[in-house]
């Protein structure tokens, strides 16, 4: 079941469609690797949003909300990596096939995919997208 790690694959969609009775240790390792990629892909847009706040004290509510999201995403990344390591996997982060591009799709076919012309992905989020509610909130707050 283990496929090469590729950011632009539809691996998450494929893994979620696997019947429960066929989900084994290899499935879990691949799923956790995809979770690592997904969590890693969300960090740069949030960090750019955080660092773009010109007055963190004046906009303390927004600053704190975005910072909390960053810490949550970092925690999710750490948890997925630690779980993967605990079952004998090795998180793959430093490979040209795992590097996200911005704007672009989320990894694994989440919220659209590499061939999705609907605009789903990181950096191209619309108010109706369900990519990540925190990011959508950031987009909507910045535009009002």
C-alpha atoms as a PDB file:
ATOM      1  CA  UNK A   1       0.000   0.000   0.000  1.00  0.00           C
ATOM      2  CA  UNK A   2       2.872   2.408   0.597  1.00  0.00           C
ATOM      3  CA  UNK A   3       3.099   4.816  -2.309  1.00  0.00           C
ATOM      4  CA  UNK A   4       5.865   7.342  -2.925  1.00  0.00           C
ATOM      5  CA  UNK A   5       5.251  10.536  -0.992  1.00  0.00           C
ATOM      6  CA  UNK A   6       4.096  13.201  -3.425  1.00  0.00           C
ATOM      7  CA  UNK A   7       2.513  16.495  -2.402  1.00  0.00           C
ATOM      8  CA  UNK A   8       0.429  16.732  -5.569  1.00  0.00           C
ATOM      9  CA  UNK A   9      -1.064  13.245  -5.364  1.00  0.00           C
ATOM     10  CA  UNK A  10      -4.603  12.461  -4.274  1.00  0.00           C
ATOM     11  CA  UNK A  11      -3.309  10.180  -1.507  1.00  0.00           C
ATOM     12  CA  UNK A  12      -5.510  11.518   1.300  1.00  0.00           C
ATOM     13  CA  UNK A  13      -8.647  11.097  -0.770  1.00  0.00           C
ATOM     14  CA  UNK A  14      -7.546   7.580  -1.771  1.00  0.00           C
ATOM     15  CA  UNK A  15      -6.659   6.624   1.813  1.00  0.00           C
ATOM     16  CA  UNK A  16     -10.000   7.819   3.146  1.00  0.00           C
ATOM     17  CA  UNK A  17     -11.810   5.702   0.540  1.00  0.00           C
ATOM     18  CA  UNK A  18     -10.026   2.531   1.680  1.00  0.00           C
ATOM     19  CA  UNK A  19     -12.531   0.156   3.337  1.00  0.00           C
ATOM     20  CA  UNK A  20     -12.057   0.042   7.109  1.00  0.00           C
ATOM     21  CA  UNK A  21     -11.327  -3.694   7.093  1.00  0.00           C
ATOM     22  CA  UNK A  22      -8.334  -3.101   4.760  1.00  0.00           C
ATOM     23  CA  UNK A  23      -6.752  -0.354   6.891  1.00  0.00           C
ATOM     24  CA  UNK A  24      -3.573  -1.897   8.248  1.00  0.00           C
ATOM     25  CA  UNK A  25      -0.270  -0.623   9.682  1.00  0.00           C
ATOM     26  CA  UNK A  26       0.983   0.411   6.219  1.00  0.00           C
ATOM     27  CA  UNK A  27      -2.246   2.366   5.682  1.00  0.00           C
ATOM     28  CA  UNK A  28      -1.764   4.100   9.030  1.00  0.00           C
ATOM     29  CA  UNK A  29       1.875   5.014   8.256  1.00  0.00           C
ATOM     30  CA  UNK A  30       0.904   6.469   4.882  1.00  0.00           C
ATOM     31  CA  UNK A  31      -2.042   8.331   6.434  1.00  0.00           C
ATOM     32  CA  UNK A  32       0.163   9.856   9.119  1.00  0.00           C
ATOM     33  CA  UNK A  33       2.738  10.912   6.504  1.00  0.00           C
ATOM     34  CA  UNK A  34      -0.027  12.626   4.562  1.00  0.00           C
ATOM     35  CA  UNK A  35      -1.181  14.310   7.795  1.00  0.00           C
ATOM     36  CA  UNK A  36       2.373  15.620   8.273  1.00  0.00           C
ATOM     37  CA  UNK A  37       2.305  17.094   4.757  1.00  0.00           C
ATOM     38  CA  UNK A  38      -1.131  18.636   5.277  1.00  0.00           C
ATOM     39  CA  UNK A  39      -0.209  20.269   8.582  1.00  0.00           C
ATOM     40  CA  UNK A  40       3.102  21.512   7.184  1.00  0.00           C
ATOM     41  CA  UNK A  41       1.313  23.092   4.207  1.00  0.00           C
ATOM     42  CA  UNK A  42      -0.935  25.191   6.447  1.00  0.00           C
ATOM     43  CA  UNK A  43       1.854  26.852   8.432  1.00  0.00           C
ATOM     44  CA  UNK A  44       3.361  29.338   5.912  1.00  0.00           C
ATOM     45  CA  UNK A  45       0.086  31.113   5.037  1.00  0.00           C
ATOM     46  CA  UNK A  46      -0.794  31.534   8.700  1.00  0.00           C
ATOM     47  CA  UNK A  47       2.712  32.734   9.548  1.00  0.00           C
ATOM     48  CA  UNK A  48       2.640  35.223   6.674  1.00  0.00           C
ATOM     49  CA  UNK A  49      -0.712  36.457   7.938  1.00  0.00           C
ATOM     50  CA  UNK A  50       0.651  36.771  11.461  1.00  0.00           C
ATOM     51  CA  UNK A  51       3.801  38.586  10.359  1.00  0.00           C
ATOM     52  CA  UNK A  52       1.794  40.956   8.154  1.00  0.00           C
ATOM     53  CA  UNK A  53      -0.095  42.431  11.104  1.00  0.00           C
ATOM     54  CA  UNK A  54       1.488  45.871  11.340  1.00  0.00           C
ATOM     55  CA  UNK A  55       0.205  46.686  14.824  1.00  0.00           C
ATOM     56  CA  UNK A  56       0.082  43.488  16.920  1.00  0.00           C
ATOM     57  CA  UNK A  57      -0.860  45.488  20.024  1.00  0.00           C
ATOM     58  CA  UNK A  58      -3.603  47.505  18.332  1.00  0.00           C
ATOM     59  CA  UNK A  59      -4.893  44.407  16.558  1.00  0.00           C
ATOM     60  CA  UNK A  60      -4.284  42.157  19.536  1.00  0.00           C
ATOM     61  CA  UNK A  61      -7.453  40.085  19.049  1.00  0.00           C
ATOM     62  CA  UNK A  62      -6.585  39.230  15.455  1.00  0.00           C
ATOM     63  CA  UNK A  63      -2.914  38.709  16.287  1.00  0.00           C
ATOM     64  CA  UNK A  64      -3.731  36.349  19.161  1.00  0.00           C
ATOM     65  CA  UNK A  65      -6.283  34.401  17.094  1.00  0.00           C
ATOM     66  CA  UNK A  66      -3.853  33.831  14.219  1.00  0.00           C
ATOM     67  CA  UNK A  67      -1.006  32.998  16.603  1.00  0.00           C
ATOM     68  CA  UNK A  68      -3.236  30.410  18.303  1.00  0.00           C
ATOM     69  CA  UNK A  69      -3.978  28.821  14.921  1.00  0.00           C
ATOM     70  CA  UNK A  70      -0.227  28.703  14.145  1.00  0.00           C
ATOM     71  CA  UNK A  71       0.456  26.938  17.444  1.00  0.00           C
ATOM     72  CA  UNK A  72      -2.407  24.498  16.809  1.00  0.00           C
ATOM     73  CA  UNK A  73      -1.068  23.636  13.359  1.00  0.00           C
ATOM     74  CA  UNK A  74       2.446  23.205  14.753  1.00  0.00           C
ATOM     75  CA  UNK A  75       1.064  20.920  17.450  1.00  0.00           C
ATOM     76  CA  UNK A  76      -0.824  18.864  14.858  1.00  0.00           C
ATOM     77  CA  UNK A  77       2.374  18.553  12.798  1.00  0.00           C
ATOM     78  CA  UNK A  78       4.324  17.393  15.854  1.00  0.00           C
ATOM     79  CA  UNK A  79       1.650  14.913  16.898  1.00  0.00           C
ATOM     80  CA  UNK A  80       1.394  13.378  13.419  1.00  0.00           C
ATOM     81  CA  UNK A  81       5.187  13.125  13.169  1.00  0.00           C
ATOM     82  CA  UNK A  82       5.508  11.577  16.626  1.00  0.00           C
ATOM     83  CA  UNK A  83       2.718   9.077  15.947  1.00  0.00           C
ATOM     84  CA  UNK A  84       4.347   8.118  12.652  1.00  0.00           C
ATOM     85  CA  UNK A  85       7.705   7.627  14.362  1.00  0.00           C
ATOM     86  CA  UNK A  86       6.130   5.572  17.142  1.00  0.00           C
ATOM     87  CA  UNK A  87       4.825   2.987  14.645  1.00  0.00           C
ATOM     88  CA  UNK A  88       8.104   2.669  12.761  1.00  0.00           C
ATOM     89  CA  UNK A  89       7.679   5.366  10.131  1.00  0.00           C
ATOM     90  CA  UNK A  90       9.981   8.259   9.322  1.00  0.00           C
ATOM     91  CA  UNK A  91       8.389  11.639   8.574  1.00  0.00           C
ATOM     92  CA  UNK A  92       9.501  12.898   5.157  1.00  0.00           C
ATOM     93  CA  UNK A  93       9.795  16.668   5.123  1.00  0.00           C
ATOM     94  CA  UNK A  94      12.962  17.488   3.176  1.00  0.00           C
ATOM     95  CA  UNK A  95      12.129  16.141  -0.256  1.00  0.00           C
ATOM     96  CA  UNK A  96      11.294  18.152  -3.373  1.00  0.00           C
ATOM     97  CA  UNK A  97       8.135  16.059  -3.813  1.00  0.00           C
ATOM     98  CA  UNK A  98       6.817  17.134  -0.398  1.00  0.00           C
ATOM     99  CA  UNK A  99       7.308  20.908  -0.700  1.00  0.00           C
ATOM    100  CA  UNK A 100       4.110  22.950  -0.984  1.00  0.00           C
ATOM    101  CA  UNK A 101       3.683  25.777  -3.466  1.00  0.00           C
ATOM    102  CA  UNK A 102       1.696  28.938  -2.816  1.00  0.00           C
ATOM    103  CA  UNK A 103      -0.832  29.682  -4.038  1.00  0.00           C
ATOM    104  CA  UNK A 104      -1.678  26.084  -4.730  1.00  0.00           C
ATOM    105  CA  UNK A 105      -3.631  23.038  -3.684  1.00  0.00           C
ATOM    106  CA  UNK A 106      -3.416  21.342  -0.342  1.00  0.00           C
ATOM    107  CA  UNK A 107      -1.620  17.986  -0.409  1.00  0.00           C
ATOM    108  CA  UNK A 108      -3.315  14.670  -0.966  1.00  0.00           C
ATOM    109  CA  UNK A 109      -6.257  15.974  -2.958  1.00  0.00           C
ATOM    110  CA  UNK A 110      -7.801  17.770   0.043  1.00  0.00           C
ATOM    111  CA  UNK A 111     -10.248  20.590  -0.806  1.00  0.00           C
ATOM    112  CA  UNK A 112      -9.908  20.047  -4.509  1.00  0.00           C
ATOM    113  CA  UNK A 113      -6.682  18.793  -5.898  1.00  0.00           C
ATOM    114  CA  UNK A 114      -3.915  19.353  -8.397  1.00  0.00           C
ATOM    115  CA  UNK A 115      -6.341  19.508 -11.314  1.00  0.00           C
ATOM    116  CA  UNK A 116      -9.128  21.332  -9.494  1.00  0.00           C
ATOM    117  CA  UNK A 117      -9.989  24.530 -11.318  1.00  0.00           C
ATOM    118  CA  UNK A 118     -12.436  25.509  -8.596  1.00  0.00           C
ATOM    119  CA  UNK A 119      -9.759  27.375  -6.710  1.00  0.00           C
ATOM    120  CA  UNK A 120      -9.554  25.132  -3.630  1.00  0.00           C
ATOM    121  CA  UNK A 121      -6.263  25.179  -1.790  1.00  0.00           C
ATOM    122  CA  UNK A 122      -3.918  27.271   0.296  1.00  0.00           C
ATOM    123  CA  UNK A 123      -3.642  30.879  -0.752  1.00  0.00           C
ATOM    124  CA  UNK A 124      -6.681  30.741  -3.017  1.00  0.00           C
ATOM    125  CA  UNK A 125      -9.453  30.435  -0.445  1.00  0.00           C
ATOM    126  CA  UNK A 126     -12.870  31.921  -0.995  1.00  0.00           C
ATOM    127  CA  UNK A 127     -15.486  32.646   1.662  1.00  0.00           C
ATOM    128  CA  UNK A 128     -17.400  29.440   0.847  1.00  0.00           C
ATOM    129  CA  UNK A 129     -14.348  27.147   1.017  1.00  0.00           C
ATOM    130  CA  UNK A 130     -14.007  24.712   3.906  1.00  0.00           C
ATOM    131  CA  UNK A 131     -10.206  24.378   3.646  1.00  0.00           C
ATOM    132  CA  UNK A 132      -9.644  25.571   7.186  1.00  0.00           C
ATOM    133  CA  UNK A 133     -12.072  27.799   9.003  1.00  0.00           C
ATOM    134  CA  UNK A 134      -9.289  29.781  10.662  1.00  0.00           C
ATOM    135  CA  UNK A 135      -7.763  30.702   7.330  1.00  0.00           C
ATOM    136  CA  UNK A 136     -11.156  31.590   5.864  1.00  0.00           C
ATOM    137  CA  UNK A 137     -11.809  33.716   8.946  1.00  0.00           C
ATOM    138  CA  UNK A 138      -8.475  35.468   8.439  1.00  0.00           C
ATOM    139  CA  UNK A 139      -9.341  36.176   4.810  1.00  0.00           C
ATOM    140  CA  UNK A 140     -12.785  37.510   5.709  1.00  0.00           C
ATOM    141  CA  UNK A 141     -11.501  39.605   8.640  1.00  0.00           C
ATOM    142  CA  UNK A 142      -8.813  41.190   6.489  1.00  0.00           C
ATOM    143  CA  UNK A 143     -11.319  42.185   3.828  1.00  0.00           C
ATOM    144  CA  UNK A 144     -13.815  43.887   6.171  1.00  0.00           C
END
